[in-house]
Amino acid sequence: MSEESHTNYVKIWALLVVLLAVSVLGPMLEIQIITLLTAFGIAFVKAYLVAKYFMHINMTPRFVPYLMVTCLVFMLLFVVGTAPDVYKSEGTNWKKTAEWQYMPPSPADHGGAAEHH
């Protein structure tokens, strides 16, 4: 292995720790654009660094990064396609009622018997 291709994982880890600190401290300024940039922008950079240096995506066959991007695009399309139904409480011919909200099971749902450990 040549000296140029040697990756210093400690420096990359230190950069990830610094980016983590910035993403935690950014929202404390209570400025919405800074919060969004630190939440999403830095998360994207950290994900890229982890994928490139720790998962070695740049050393895999050429189709692997394309496959990853394709999966991410389909995941994004799924979220965008279902978000209007999830986030709205009313629509044409339907209404999200209290029955649709998550309620943790009560002991009465289990026949009133105590749980066995």
PDB file of N, CA and C in Angstrom:
ATOM      1  N   MET A   1       0.855  -1.176   0.000  1.00  0.00           N
ATOM      2  CA  MET A   1       0.000   0.000   0.000  1.00  0.00           C
ATOM      3  C   MET A   1       0.896   1.233   0.000  1.00  0.00           C
ATOM      4  N   SER A   2       0.608   2.147  -0.905  1.00  0.00           N
ATOM      5  CA  SER A   2       1.420   3.359  -0.993  1.00  0.00           C
ATOM      6  C   SER A   2       0.996   4.350   0.083  1.00  0.00           C
ATOM      7  N   GLU A   3       1.849   5.315   0.315  1.00  0.00           N
ATOM      8  CA  GLU A   3       1.605   6.313   1.357  1.00  0.00           C
ATOM      9  C   GLU A   3       0.417   7.205   1.025  1.00  0.00           C
ATOM     10  N   GLU A   4       0.182   7.497  -0.280  1.00  0.00           N
ATOM     11  CA  GLU A   4      -0.932   8.358  -0.659  1.00  0.00           C
ATOM     12  C   GLU A   4      -2.279   7.685  -0.439  1.00  0.00           C
ATOM     13  N   SER A   5      -2.346   6.348  -0.564  1.00  0.00           N
ATOM     14  CA  SER A   5      -3.625   5.659  -0.435  1.00  0.00           C
ATOM     15  C   SER A   5      -3.922   5.271   1.013  1.00  0.00           C
ATOM     16  N   HIS A   6      -3.010   5.556   1.931  1.00  0.00           N
ATOM     17  CA  HIS A   6      -3.227   5.229   3.339  1.00  0.00           C
ATOM     18  C   HIS A   6      -4.231   6.201   3.948  1.00  0.00           C
ATOM     19  N   THR A   7      -5.246   5.644   4.587  1.00  0.00           N
ATOM     20  CA  THR A   7      -6.290   6.467   5.193  1.00  0.00           C
ATOM     21  C   THR A   7      -6.039   6.551   6.691  1.00  0.00           C
ATOM     22  N   ASN A   8      -6.065   7.758   7.220  1.00  0.00           N
ATOM     23  CA  ASN A   8      -5.891   7.961   8.646  1.00  0.00           C
ATOM     24  C   ASN A   8      -7.275   7.964   9.300  1.00  0.00           C
ATOM     25  N   TYR A   9      -7.654   6.814   9.840  1.00  0.00           N
ATOM     26  CA  TYR A   9      -8.986   6.659  10.405  1.00  0.00           C
ATOM     27  C   TYR A   9      -9.184   7.491  11.661  1.00  0.00           C
ATOM     28  N   VAL A  10      -8.133   7.748  12.396  1.00  0.00           N
ATOM     29  CA  VAL A  10      -8.260   8.553  13.610  1.00  0.00           C
ATOM     30  C   VAL A  10      -8.628   9.991  13.250  1.00  0.00           C
ATOM     31  N   LYS A  11      -8.027  10.541  12.188  1.00  0.00           N
ATOM     32  CA  LYS A  11      -8.371  11.900  11.760  1.00  0.00           C
ATOM     33  C   LYS A  11      -9.820  11.971  11.275  1.00  0.00           C
ATOM     34  N   ILE A  12     -10.254  10.951  10.556  1.00  0.00           N
ATOM     35  CA  ILE A  12     -11.638  10.941  10.083  1.00  0.00           C
ATOM     36  C   ILE A  12     -12.589  10.818  11.263  1.00  0.00           C
ATOM     37  N   TRP A  13     -12.255   9.963  12.232  1.00  0.00           N
ATOM     38  CA  TRP A  13     -13.074   9.833  13.433  1.00  0.00           C
ATOM     39  C   TRP A  13     -13.135  11.167  14.180  1.00  0.00           C
ATOM     40  N   ALA A  14     -11.984  11.845  14.317  1.00  0.00           N
ATOM     41  CA  ALA A  14     -11.961  13.144  15.001  1.00  0.00           C
ATOM     42  C   ALA A  14     -12.834  14.157  14.261  1.00  0.00           C
ATOM     43  N   LEU A  15     -12.778  14.162  12.932  1.00  0.00           N
ATOM     44  CA  LEU A  15     -13.644  15.048  12.146  1.00  0.00           C
ATOM     45  C   LEU A  15     -15.122  14.719  12.382  1.00  0.00           C
ATOM     46  N   LEU A  16     -15.456  13.429  12.455  1.00  0.00           N
ATOM     47  CA  LEU A  16     -16.839  13.032  12.731  1.00  0.00           C
ATOM     48  C   LEU A  16     -17.278  13.492  14.120  1.00  0.00           C
ATOM     49  N   VAL A  17     -16.382  13.441  15.093  1.00  0.00           N
ATOM     50  CA  VAL A  17     -16.717  13.901  16.450  1.00  0.00           C
ATOM     51  C   VAL A  17     -16.945  15.414  16.444  1.00  0.00           C
ATOM     52  N   VAL A  18     -16.106  16.161  15.724  1.00  0.00           N
ATOM     53  CA  VAL A  18     -16.278  17.612  15.629  1.00  0.00           C
ATOM     54  C   VAL A  18     -17.609  17.939  14.956  1.00  0.00           C
ATOM     55  N   LEU A  19     -17.927  17.226  13.879  1.00  0.00           N
ATOM     56  CA  LEU A  19     -19.199  17.448  13.195  1.00  0.00           C
ATOM     57  C   LEU A  19     -20.385  17.092  14.095  1.00  0.00           C
ATOM     58  N   LEU A  20     -20.226  16.058  14.918  1.00  0.00           N
ATOM     59  CA  LEU A  20     -21.270  15.721  15.875  1.00  0.00           C
ATOM     60  C   LEU A  20     -21.480  16.861  16.863  1.00  0.00           C
ATOM     61  N   ALA A  21     -20.382  17.414  17.369  1.00  0.00           N
ATOM     62  CA  ALA A  21     -20.491  18.526  18.321  1.00  0.00           C
ATOM     63  C   ALA A  21     -21.183  19.729  17.680  1.00  0.00           C
ATOM     64  N   VAL A  22     -20.830  20.034  16.435  1.00  0.00           N
ATOM     65  CA  VAL A  22     -21.459  21.157  15.739  1.00  0.00           C
ATOM     66  C   VAL A  22     -22.949  20.892  15.534  1.00  0.00           C
ATOM     67  N   SER A  23     -23.307  19.645  15.183  1.00  0.00           N
ATOM     68  CA  SER A  23     -24.721  19.343  14.956  1.00  0.00           C
ATOM     69  C   SER A  23     -25.519  19.340  16.251  1.00  0.00           C
ATOM     70  N   VAL A  24     -24.872  19.132  17.385  1.00  0.00           N
ATOM     71  CA  VAL A  24     -25.562  19.210  18.668  1.00  0.00           C
ATOM     72  C   VAL A  24     -25.654  20.665  19.133  1.00  0.00           C
ATOM     73  N   LEU A  25     -24.590  21.431  18.939  1.00  0.00           N
ATOM     74  CA  LEU A  25     -24.569  22.819  19.395  1.00  0.00           C
ATOM     75  C   LEU A  25     -25.340  23.768  18.484  1.00  0.00           C
ATOM     76  N   GLY A  26     -25.462  23.449  17.204  1.00  0.00           N
ATOM     77  CA  GLY A  26     -26.144  24.319  16.250  1.00  0.00           C
ATOM     78  C   GLY A  26     -27.566  24.681  16.647  1.00  0.00           C
ATOM     79  N   PRO A  27     -28.402  23.692  17.013  1.00  0.00           N
ATOM     80  CA  PRO A  27     -29.779  24.030  17.406  1.00  0.00           C
ATOM     81  C   PRO A  27     -29.871  24.862  18.679  1.00  0.00           C
ATOM     82  N   MET A  28     -28.828  24.901  19.482  1.00  0.00           N
ATOM     83  CA  MET A  28     -28.856  25.701  20.708  1.00  0.00           C
ATOM     84  C   MET A  28     -28.866  27.200  20.420  1.00  0.00           C
ATOM     85  N   LEU A  29     -28.483  27.590  19.204  1.00  0.00           N
ATOM     86  CA  LEU A  29     -28.543  29.005  18.817  1.00  0.00           C
ATOM     87  C   LEU A  29     -29.977  29.451  18.554  1.00  0.00           C
ATOM     88  N   GLU A  30     -30.882  28.496  18.372  1.00  0.00           N
ATOM     89  CA  GLU A  30     -32.302  28.743  18.137  1.00  0.00           C
ATOM     90  C   GLU A  30     -32.563  29.605  16.907  1.00  0.00           C
ATOM     91  N   ILE A  31     -31.743  29.427  15.877  1.00  0.00           N
ATOM     92  CA  ILE A  31     -31.946  30.058  14.573  1.00  0.00           C
ATOM     93  C   ILE A  31     -32.325  28.928  13.622  1.00  0.00           C
ATOM     94  N   GLN A  32     -33.525  29.027  13.045  1.00  0.00           N
ATOM     95  CA  GLN A  32     -34.080  27.910  12.292  1.00  0.00           C
ATOM     96  C   GLN A  32     -33.178  27.450  11.146  1.00  0.00           C
ATOM     97  N   ILE A  33     -32.628  28.354  10.365  1.00  0.00           N
ATOM     98  CA  ILE A  33     -31.801  27.945   9.224  1.00  0.00           C
ATOM     99  C   ILE A  33     -30.527  27.248   9.693  1.00  0.00           C
ATOM    100  N   ILE A  34     -29.952  27.710  10.799  1.00  0.00           N
ATOM    101  CA  ILE A  34     -28.749  27.053  11.346  1.00  0.00           C
ATOM    102  C   ILE A  34     -29.119  25.661  11.847  1.00  0.00           C
ATOM    103  N   THR A  35     -30.272  25.545  12.473  1.00  0.00           N
ATOM    104  CA  THR A  35     -30.713  24.236  12.959  1.00  0.00           C
ATOM    105  C   THR A  35     -30.900  23.269  11.795  1.00  0.00           C
ATOM    106  N   LEU A  36     -31.538  23.731  10.723  1.00  0.00           N
ATOM    107  CA  LEU A  36     -31.737  22.864   9.564  1.00  0.00           C
ATOM    108  C   LEU A  36     -30.424  22.480   8.903  1.00  0.00           C
ATOM    109  N   LEU A  37     -29.517  23.433   8.775  1.00  0.00           N
ATOM    110  CA  LEU A  37     -28.216  23.132   8.173  1.00  0.00           C
ATOM    111  C   LEU A  37     -27.429  22.144   9.013  1.00  0.00           C
ATOM    112  N   THR A  38     -27.441  22.350  10.315  1.00  0.00           N
ATOM    113  CA  THR A  38     -26.671  21.435  11.159  1.00  0.00           C
ATOM    114  C   THR A  38     -27.342  20.069  11.243  1.00  0.00           C
ATOM    115  N   ALA A  39     -28.660  20.043  11.223  1.00  0.00           N
ATOM    116  CA  ALA A  39     -29.350  18.756  11.331  1.00  0.00           C
ATOM    117  C   ALA A  39     -29.204  17.919  10.061  1.00  0.00           C
ATOM    118  N   PHE A  40     -29.421  18.534   8.911  1.00  0.00           N
ATOM    119  CA  PHE A  40     -29.429  17.771   7.679  1.00  0.00           C
ATOM    120  C   PHE A  40     -28.117  17.861   6.903  1.00  0.00           C
ATOM    121  N   GLY A  41     -27.548  19.032   6.818  1.00  0.00           N
ATOM    122  CA  GLY A  41     -26.300  19.187   6.072  1.00  0.00           C
ATOM    123  C   GLY A  41     -25.150  18.400   6.673  1.00  0.00           C
ATOM    124  N   ILE A  42     -24.972  18.539   7.961  1.00  0.00           N
ATOM    125  CA  ILE A  42     -23.870  17.829   8.617  1.00  0.00           C
ATOM    126  C   ILE A  42     -24.150  16.330   8.658  1.00  0.00           C
ATOM    127  N   ALA A  43     -25.403  15.936   8.811  1.00  0.00           N
ATOM    128  CA  ALA A  43     -25.738  14.509   8.781  1.00  0.00           C
ATOM    129  C   ALA A  43     -25.387  13.905   7.421  1.00  0.00           C
ATOM    130  N   PHE A  44     -25.632  14.644   6.357  1.00  0.00           N
ATOM    131  CA  PHE A  44     -25.277  14.164   5.020  1.00  0.00           C
ATOM    132  C   PHE A  44     -23.771  14.004   4.883  1.00  0.00           C
ATOM    133  N   VAL A  45     -23.002  14.990   5.368  1.00  0.00           N
ATOM    134  CA  VAL A  45     -21.539  14.926   5.284  1.00  0.00           C
ATOM    135  C   VAL A  45     -21.015  13.760   6.113  1.00  0.00           C
ATOM    136  N   LYS A  46     -21.559  13.566   7.311  1.00  0.00           N
ATOM    137  CA  LYS A  46     -21.115  12.453   8.154  1.00  0.00           C
ATOM    138  C   LYS A  46     -21.431  11.111   7.500  1.00  0.00           C
ATOM    139  N   ALA A  47     -22.607  10.983   6.916  1.00  0.00           N
ATOM    140  CA  ALA A  47     -22.975   9.738   6.241  1.00  0.00           C
ATOM    141  C   ALA A  47     -22.044   9.471   5.062  1.00  0.00           C
ATOM    142  N   TYR A  48     -21.699  10.515   4.326  1.00  0.00           N
ATOM    143  CA  TYR A  48     -20.764  10.361   3.208  1.00  0.00           C
ATOM    144  C   TYR A  48     -19.390   9.899   3.693  1.00  0.00           C
ATOM    145  N   LEU A  49     -18.885  10.513   4.748  1.00  0.00           N
ATOM    146  CA  LEU A  49     -17.573  10.139   5.273  1.00  0.00           C
ATOM    147  C   LEU A  49     -17.558   8.686   5.766  1.00  0.00           C
ATOM    148  N   VAL A  50     -18.608   8.293   6.458  1.00  0.00           N
ATOM    149  CA  VAL A  50     -18.678   6.912   6.955  1.00  0.00           C
ATOM    150  C   VAL A  50     -18.749   5.938   5.785  1.00  0.00           C
ATOM    151  N   ALA A  51     -19.597   6.231   4.788  1.00  0.00           N
ATOM    152  CA  ALA A  51     -19.733   5.334   3.637  1.00  0.00           C
ATOM    153  C   ALA A  51     -18.430   5.234   2.853  1.00  0.00           C
ATOM    154  N   LYS A  52     -17.747   6.359   2.676  1.00  0.00           N
ATOM    155  CA  LYS A  52     -16.537   6.345   1.864  1.00  0.00           C
ATOM    156  C   LYS A  52     -15.347   5.721   2.579  1.00  0.00           C
ATOM    157  N   TYR A  53     -15.117   6.091   3.829  1.00  0.00           N
ATOM    158  CA  TYR A  53     -13.890   5.668   4.487  1.00  0.00           C
ATOM    159  C   TYR A  53     -14.044   4.430   5.361  1.00  0.00           C
ATOM    160  N   PHE A  54     -15.167   4.259   6.026  1.00  0.00           N
ATOM    161  CA  PHE A  54     -15.315   3.114   6.906  1.00  0.00           C
ATOM    162  C   PHE A  54     -16.018   1.942   6.230  1.00  0.00           C
ATOM    163  N   MET A  55     -16.917   2.231   5.276  1.00  0.00           N
ATOM    164  CA  MET A  55     -17.589   1.166   4.534  1.00  0.00           C
ATOM    165  C   MET A  55     -16.878   0.885   3.210  1.00  0.00           C
ATOM    166  N   HIS A  56     -15.926   1.714   2.835  1.00  0.00           N
ATOM    167  CA  HIS A  56     -15.094   1.555   1.627  1.00  0.00           C
ATOM    168  C   HIS A  56     -15.937   1.449   0.356  1.00  0.00           C
ATOM    169  N   ILE A  57     -16.965   2.291   0.254  1.00  0.00           N
ATOM    170  CA  ILE A  57     -17.826   2.283  -0.931  1.00  0.00           C
ATOM    171  C   ILE A  57     -17.034   2.645  -2.183  1.00  0.00           C
ATOM    172  N   ASN A  58     -16.009   3.491  -2.030  1.00  0.00           N
ATOM    173  CA  ASN A  58     -15.226   3.892  -3.201  1.00  0.00           C
ATOM    174  C   ASN A  58     -14.355   2.758  -3.735  1.00  0.00           C
ATOM    175  N   MET A  59     -14.223   1.642  -3.012  1.00  0.00           N
ATOM    176  CA  MET A  59     -13.406   0.515  -3.465  1.00  0.00           C
ATOM    177  C   MET A  59     -14.255  -0.661  -3.950  1.00  0.00           C
ATOM    178  N   THR A  60     -15.572  -0.519  -3.960  1.00  0.00           N
ATOM    179  CA  THR A  60     -16.456  -1.596  -4.391  1.00  0.00           C
ATOM    180  C   THR A  60     -16.648  -1.538  -5.899  1.00  0.00           C
ATOM    181  N   PRO A  61     -17.230  -2.593  -6.467  1.00  0.00           N
ATOM    182  CA  PRO A  61     -17.538  -2.523  -7.903  1.00  0.00           C
ATOM    183  C   PRO A  61     -18.447  -1.332  -8.204  1.00  0.00           C
ATOM    184  N   ARG A  62     -18.384  -0.858  -9.413  1.00  0.00           N
ATOM    185  CA  ARG A  62     -19.056   0.378  -9.810  1.00  0.00           C
ATOM    186  C   ARG A  62     -20.571   0.345  -9.586  1.00  0.00           C
ATOM    187  N   PHE A  63     -21.200  -0.822  -9.663  1.00  0.00           N
ATOM    188  CA  PHE A  63     -22.654  -0.882  -9.530  1.00  0.00           C
ATOM    189  C   PHE A  63     -23.125  -0.680  -8.088  1.00  0.00           C
ATOM    190  N   VAL A  64     -22.281  -0.891  -7.092  1.00  0.00           N
ATOM    191  CA  VAL A  64     -22.703  -0.795  -5.699  1.00  0.00           C
ATOM    192  C   VAL A  64     -23.123   0.638  -5.330  1.00  0.00           C
ATOM    193  N   PRO A  65     -22.328   1.674  -5.637  1.00  0.00           N
ATOM    194  CA  PRO A  65     -22.812   3.029  -5.335  1.00  0.00           C
ATOM    195  C   PRO A  65     -24.103   3.378  -6.084  1.00  0.00           C
ATOM    196  N   TYR A  66     -24.238   2.912  -7.330  1.00  0.00           N
ATOM    197  CA  TYR A  66     -25.471   3.159  -8.077  1.00  0.00           C
ATOM    198  C   TYR A  66     -26.651   2.463  -7.409  1.00  0.00           C
ATOM    199  N   LEU A  67     -26.437   1.256  -6.921  1.00  0.00           N
ATOM    200  CA  LEU A  67     -27.481   0.521  -6.229  1.00  0.00           C
ATOM    201  C   LEU A  67     -27.882   1.239  -4.943  1.00  0.00           C
ATOM    202  N   MET A  68     -26.903   1.750  -4.207  1.00  0.00           N
ATOM    203  CA  MET A  68     -27.201   2.492  -2.976  1.00  0.00           C
ATOM    204  C   MET A  68     -28.008   3.754  -3.269  1.00  0.00           C
ATOM    205  N   VAL A  69     -27.610   4.497  -4.281  1.00  0.00           N
ATOM    206  CA  VAL A  69     -28.327   5.726  -4.642  1.00  0.00           C
ATOM    207  C   VAL A  69     -29.745   5.389  -5.093  1.00  0.00           C
ATOM    208  N   THR A  70     -29.902   4.312  -5.861  1.00  0.00           N
ATOM    209  CA  THR A  70     -31.232   3.900  -6.307  1.00  0.00           C
ATOM    210  C   THR A  70     -32.118   3.558  -5.118  1.00  0.00           C
ATOM    211  N   CYS A  71     -31.585   2.823  -4.152  1.00  0.00           N
ATOM    212  CA  CYS A  71     -32.363   2.482  -2.949  1.00  0.00           C
ATOM    213  C   CYS A  71     -32.736   3.739  -2.168  1.00  0.00           C
ATOM    214  N   LEU A  72     -31.816   4.682  -2.042  1.00  0.00           N
ATOM    215  CA  LEU A  72     -32.104   5.926  -1.332  1.00  0.00           C
ATOM    216  C   LEU A  72     -33.181   6.747  -2.043  1.00  0.00           C
ATOM    217  N   VAL A  73     -33.142   6.767  -3.376  1.00  0.00           N
ATOM    218  CA  VAL A  73     -34.154   7.505  -4.139  1.00  0.00           C
ATOM    219  C   VAL A  73     -35.529   6.872  -3.949  1.00  0.00           C
ATOM    220  N   PHE A  74     -35.598   5.534  -3.996  1.00  0.00           N
ATOM    221  CA  PHE A  74     -36.885   4.874  -3.783  1.00  0.00           C
ATOM    222  C   PHE A  74     -37.394   5.087  -2.356  1.00  0.00           C
ATOM    223  N   MET A  75     -36.497   5.106  -1.382  1.00  0.00           N
ATOM    224  CA  MET A  75     -36.898   5.368  -0.010  1.00  0.00           C
ATOM    225  C   MET A  75     -37.448   6.784   0.120  1.00  0.00           C
ATOM    226  N   LEU A  76     -36.778   7.740  -0.515  1.00  0.00           N
ATOM    227  CA  LEU A  76     -37.248   9.121  -0.488  1.00  0.00           C
ATOM    228  C   LEU A  76     -38.613   9.250  -1.170  1.00  0.00           C
ATOM    229  N   LEU A  77     -38.789   8.578  -2.298  1.00  0.00           N
ATOM    230  CA  LEU A  77     -40.083   8.600  -2.981  1.00  0.00           C
ATOM    231  C   LEU A  77     -41.183   8.008  -2.107  1.00  0.00           C
ATOM    232  N   PHE A  78     -40.877   6.948  -1.373  1.00  0.00           N
ATOM    233  CA  PHE A  78     -41.857   6.352  -0.475  1.00  0.00           C
ATOM    234  C   PHE A  78     -42.261   7.339   0.623  1.00  0.00           C
ATOM    235  N   VAL A  79     -41.272   7.995   1.235  1.00  0.00           N
ATOM    236  CA  VAL A  79     -41.567   8.958   2.302  1.00  0.00           C
ATOM    237  C   VAL A  79     -42.391  10.117   1.759  1.00  0.00           C
ATOM    238  N   VAL A  80     -41.979  10.663   0.612  1.00  0.00           N
ATOM    239  CA  VAL A  80     -42.704  11.788   0.022  1.00  0.00           C
ATOM    240  C   VAL A  80     -44.117  11.366  -0.387  1.00  0.00           C
ATOM    241  N   GLY A  81     -44.259  10.155  -0.872  1.00  0.00           N
ATOM    242  CA  GLY A  81     -45.579   9.691  -1.308  1.00  0.00           C
ATOM    243  C   GLY A  81     -46.542   9.412  -0.175  1.00  0.00           C
ATOM    244  N   THR A  82     -46.025   8.994   0.974  1.00  0.00           N
ATOM    245  CA  THR A  82     -46.906   8.665   2.091  1.00  0.00           C
ATOM    246  C   THR A  82     -47.050   9.796   3.105  1.00  0.00           C
ATOM    247  N   ALA A  83     -46.192  10.781   3.070  1.00  0.00           N
ATOM    248  CA  ALA A  83     -46.218  11.866   4.058  1.00  0.00           C
ATOM    249  C   ALA A  83     -47.540  12.616   4.098  1.00  0.00           C
ATOM    250  N   PRO A  84     -48.161  12.937   2.961  1.00  0.00           N
ATOM    251  CA  PRO A  84     -49.434  13.669   3.055  1.00  0.00           C
ATOM    252  C   PRO A  84     -50.499  12.904   3.844  1.00  0.00           C
ATOM    253  N   ASP A  85     -50.561  11.591   3.697  1.00  0.00           N
ATOM    254  CA  ASP A  85     -51.543  10.809   4.437  1.00  0.00           C
ATOM    255  C   ASP A  85     -51.187  10.702   5.914  1.00  0.00           C
ATOM    256  N   VAL A  86     -49.921  10.640   6.209  1.00  0.00           N
ATOM    257  CA  VAL A  86     -49.498  10.459   7.597  1.00  0.00           C
ATOM    258  C   VAL A  86     -49.648  11.750   8.389  1.00  0.00           C
ATOM    259  N   TYR A  87     -49.304  12.863   7.798  1.00  0.00           N
ATOM    260  CA  TYR A  87     -49.261  14.121   8.536  1.00  0.00           C
ATOM    261  C   TYR A  87     -50.590  14.874   8.573  1.00  0.00           C
ATOM    262  N   LYS A  88     -51.495  14.586   7.669  1.00  0.00           N
ATOM    263  CA  LYS A  88     -52.800  15.268   7.677  1.00  0.00           C
ATOM    264  C   LYS A  88     -53.766  14.527   8.590  1.00  0.00           C
ATOM    265  N   SER A  89     -54.647  15.271   9.215  1.00  0.00           N
ATOM    266  CA  SER A  89     -55.630  14.642  10.098  1.00  0.00           C
ATOM    267  C   SER A  89     -56.989  14.497   9.414  1.00  0.00           C
ATOM    268  N   GLU A  90     -57.178  15.127   8.253  1.00  0.00           N
ATOM    269  CA  GLU A  90     -58.444  15.027   7.530  1.00  0.00           C
ATOM    270  C   GLU A  90     -58.177  14.989   6.034  1.00  0.00           C
ATOM    271  N   GLY A  91     -59.133  14.442   5.308  1.00  0.00           N
ATOM    272  CA  GLY A  91     -59.038  14.408   3.864  1.00  0.00           C
ATOM    273  C   GLY A  91     -60.404  14.184   3.266  1.00  0.00           C
ATOM    274  N   THR A  92     -60.458  13.933   1.958  1.00  0.00           N
ATOM    275  CA  THR A  92     -61.731  13.676   1.294  1.00  0.00           C
ATOM    276  C   THR A  92     -62.260  12.326   1.755  1.00  0.00           C
ATOM    277  N   ASN A  93     -63.432  12.323   2.364  1.00  0.00           N
ATOM    278  CA  ASN A  93     -64.117  11.107   2.822  1.00  0.00           C
ATOM    279  C   ASN A  93     -63.387  10.359   3.941  1.00  0.00           C
ATOM    280  N   TRP A  94     -62.522  10.974   4.674  1.00  0.00           N
ATOM    281  CA  TRP A  94     -61.890  10.305   5.807  1.00  0.00           C
ATOM    282  C   TRP A  94     -61.447  11.314   6.848  1.00  0.00           C
ATOM    283  N   LYS A  95     -61.289  10.833   8.055  1.00  0.00           N
ATOM    284  CA  LYS A  95     -60.810  11.663   9.150  1.00  0.00           C
ATOM    285  C   LYS A  95     -60.029  10.770  10.104  1.00  0.00           C
ATOM    286  N   LYS A  96     -58.842  11.210  10.493  1.00  0.00           N
ATOM    287  CA  LYS A  96     -58.024  10.450  11.426  1.00  0.00           C
ATOM    288  C   LYS A  96     -58.572  10.691  12.829  1.00  0.00           C
ATOM    289  N   THR A  97     -59.114   9.658  13.417  1.00  0.00           N
ATOM    290  CA  THR A  97     -59.726   9.792  14.741  1.00  0.00           C
ATOM    291  C   THR A  97     -58.764   9.311  15.816  1.00  0.00           C
ATOM    292  N   ALA A  98     -59.193   9.429  17.064  1.00  0.00           N
ATOM    293  CA  ALA A  98     -58.344   9.044  18.200  1.00  0.00           C
ATOM    294  C   ALA A  98     -58.011   7.562  18.171  1.00  0.00           C
ATOM    295  N   GLU A  99     -58.868   6.731  17.553  1.00  0.00           N
ATOM    296  CA  GLU A  99     -58.590   5.291  17.507  1.00  0.00           C
ATOM    297  C   GLU A  99     -57.311   4.983  16.727  1.00  0.00           C
ATOM    298  N   TRP A 100     -56.916   5.881  15.840  1.00  0.00           N
ATOM    299  CA  TRP A 100     -55.729   5.657  15.034  1.00  0.00           C
ATOM    300  C   TRP A 100     -54.449   6.038  15.755  1.00  0.00           C
ATOM    301  N   GLN A 101     -54.553   6.720  16.861  1.00  0.00           N
ATOM    302  CA  GLN A 101     -53.368   7.120  17.624  1.00  0.00           C
ATOM    303  C   GLN A 101     -52.847   5.916  18.391  1.00  0.00           C
ATOM    304  N   TYR A 102     -51.567   5.819  18.572  1.00  0.00           N
ATOM    305  CA  TYR A 102     -50.965   4.700  19.299  1.00  0.00           C
ATOM    306  C   TYR A 102     -51.256   4.830  20.782  1.00  0.00           C
ATOM    307  N   MET A 103     -51.733   3.763  21.357  1.00  0.00           N
ATOM    308  CA  MET A 103     -51.981   3.714  22.797  1.00  0.00           C
ATOM    309  C   MET A 103     -51.276   2.466  23.310  1.00  0.00           C
ATOM    310  N   PRO A 104     -50.413   2.594  24.305  1.00  0.00           N
ATOM    311  CA  PRO A 104     -49.746   1.398  24.823  1.00  0.00           C
ATOM    312  C   PRO A 104     -50.768   0.451  25.443  1.00  0.00           C
ATOM    313  N   PRO A 105     -50.522  -0.855  25.328  1.00  0.00           N
ATOM    314  CA  PRO A 105     -51.487  -1.812  25.871  1.00  0.00           C
ATOM    315  C   PRO A 105     -51.571  -1.708  27.391  1.00  0.00           C
ATOM    316  N   SER A 106     -52.769  -1.837  27.889  1.00  0.00           N
ATOM    317  CA  SER A 106     -52.971  -1.795  29.337  1.00  0.00           C
ATOM    318  C   SER A 106     -53.005  -3.222  29.871  1.00  0.00           C
ATOM    319  N   PRO A 107     -52.852  -3.406  31.190  1.00  0.00           N
ATOM    320  CA  PRO A 107     -52.923  -4.763  31.755  1.00  0.00           C
ATOM    321  C   PRO A 107     -54.262  -5.437  31.470  1.00  0.00           C
ATOM    322  N   ALA A 108     -55.325  -4.647  31.327  1.00  0.00           N
ATOM    323  CA  ALA A 108     -56.638  -5.233  31.029  1.00  0.00           C
ATOM    324  C   ALA A 108     -56.645  -5.906  29.659  1.00  0.00           C
ATOM    325  N   ASP A 109     -55.781  -5.439  28.725  1.00  0.00           N
ATOM    326  CA  ASP A 109     -55.702  -6.039  27.391  1.00  0.00           C
ATOM    327  C   ASP A 109     -55.129  -7.455  27.442  1.00  0.00           C
ATOM    328  N   HIS A 110     -54.445  -7.781  28.537  1.00  0.00           N
ATOM    329  CA  HIS A 110     -53.827  -9.094  28.678  1.00  0.00           C
ATOM    330  C   HIS A 110     -54.628  -9.971  29.626  1.00  0.00           C
ATOM    331  N   GLY A 111     -55.904  -9.713  29.764  1.00  0.00           N
ATOM    332  CA  GLY A 111     -56.750 -10.496  30.643  1.00  0.00           C
ATOM    333  C   GLY A 111     -56.606 -10.142  32.105  1.00  0.00           C
ATOM    334  N   GLY A 112     -55.927  -9.039  32.406  1.00  0.00           N
ATOM    335  CA  GLY A 112     -55.763  -8.605  33.777  1.00  0.00           C
ATOM    336  C   GLY A 112     -54.713  -9.373  34.557  1.00  0.00           C
ATOM    337  N   ALA A 113     -54.112 -10.355  33.940  1.00  0.00           N
ATOM    338  CA  ALA A 113     -53.112 -11.167  34.647  1.00  0.00           C
ATOM    339  C   ALA A 113     -51.777 -10.438  34.689  1.00  0.00           C
ATOM    340  N   ALA A 114     -51.050 -10.661  35.762  1.00  0.00           N
ATOM    341  CA  ALA A 114     -49.721 -10.054  35.886  1.00  0.00           C
ATOM    342  C   ALA A 114     -48.777 -10.721  34.898  1.00  0.00           C
ATOM    343  N   GLU A 115     -47.817  -9.947  34.453  1.00  0.00           N
ATOM    344  CA  GLU A 115     -46.839 -10.499  33.507  1.00  0.00           C
ATOM    345  C   GLU A 115     -45.917 -11.476  34.195  1.00  0.00           C
ATOM    346  N   HIS A 116     -45.541 -12.519  33.465  1.00  0.00           N
ATOM    347  CA  HIS A 116     -44.612 -13.519  33.999  1.00  0.00           C
ATOM    348  C   HIS A 116     -43.220 -13.179  33.518  1.00  0.00           C
ATOM    349  N   HIS A 117     -42.253 -13.289  34.409  1.00  0.00           N
ATOM    350  CA  HIS A 117     -40.871 -12.969  34.040  1.00  0.00           C
ATOM    351  C   HIS A 117     -40.045 -14.199  33.961  1.00  0.00           C
TER     352      HIS A 117
END
